C-alpha cells in the first residue's frame, strides 16, 4: 500500500490486494485515520475562516458584530457539536473495525471493497445532507422547482427531512440540532466505519 497523501480522501487510500494479516489491517486503518484527521483539521480551519470572514464582512458593512464573549460562545457551540459528531463517528468506526477484525480472525481475507464500501454509503448520506442544506437556503419557489426535478424517492426523503428541520423533530443533518445552518457547522461528518 503506497502512503496516503495529506489531501487524499479515504476513498483514495491505496489498498492493493487482499488483507489477510492483522498487521496489514492495522496499517490500512492507520492510513485511513491519517486521512480522516487531516480532513477534520481542514474542516476546523474552514470553520474558523468562515467565522472570521463573516465578522469582517459585518464590520465592513457597518453591521453589529458579536462581542468577544458571543464569539467565544459561538466557537464553543461549534466545537461541542463537532466533538459530539466525532464521538458518534468513533463509536461506529470501532464497531465496524471490530467486525472486520473478527472476519479476518475467522480466516477471511478482506478486500479493498470490504474496508471502503461503507465510505461510499456515508458519502451518499453526506451528499444528501448538503443537498438538504442548499434547499433550506432557497426561496420557496426555487425550492419547489428544484424538488420537482428530483426523482420521486429522493424528493420524498428530502421533503420529510425539511419537515423535520422546520419542526425541530429528530436529529441529524435535517433536523433541529442543525437549526442554525449558517452557524458554520458542517453537516455531521458521515463517519466511515472503516475510518
Foldseek 3Di string as FASTA:
>chain_A
DDADDLQDALVPGDDDDWAQDPVSLVVNLVRNVSNVVSVVVVLLVQLVVLLVVVQVVCVVVVHDHDDPVVSVVLNVLLVVVLVVLVVVLVVLQVVLSVVVVVCSVVPDTHDPCSQCVQVVVLVVVLVLLVVLLVLVPDDPVVSVVVLVPDDPVSSVVSVVLCVQCVVQHDDFSSHVVCVPVSSSHRTRRSRGNND
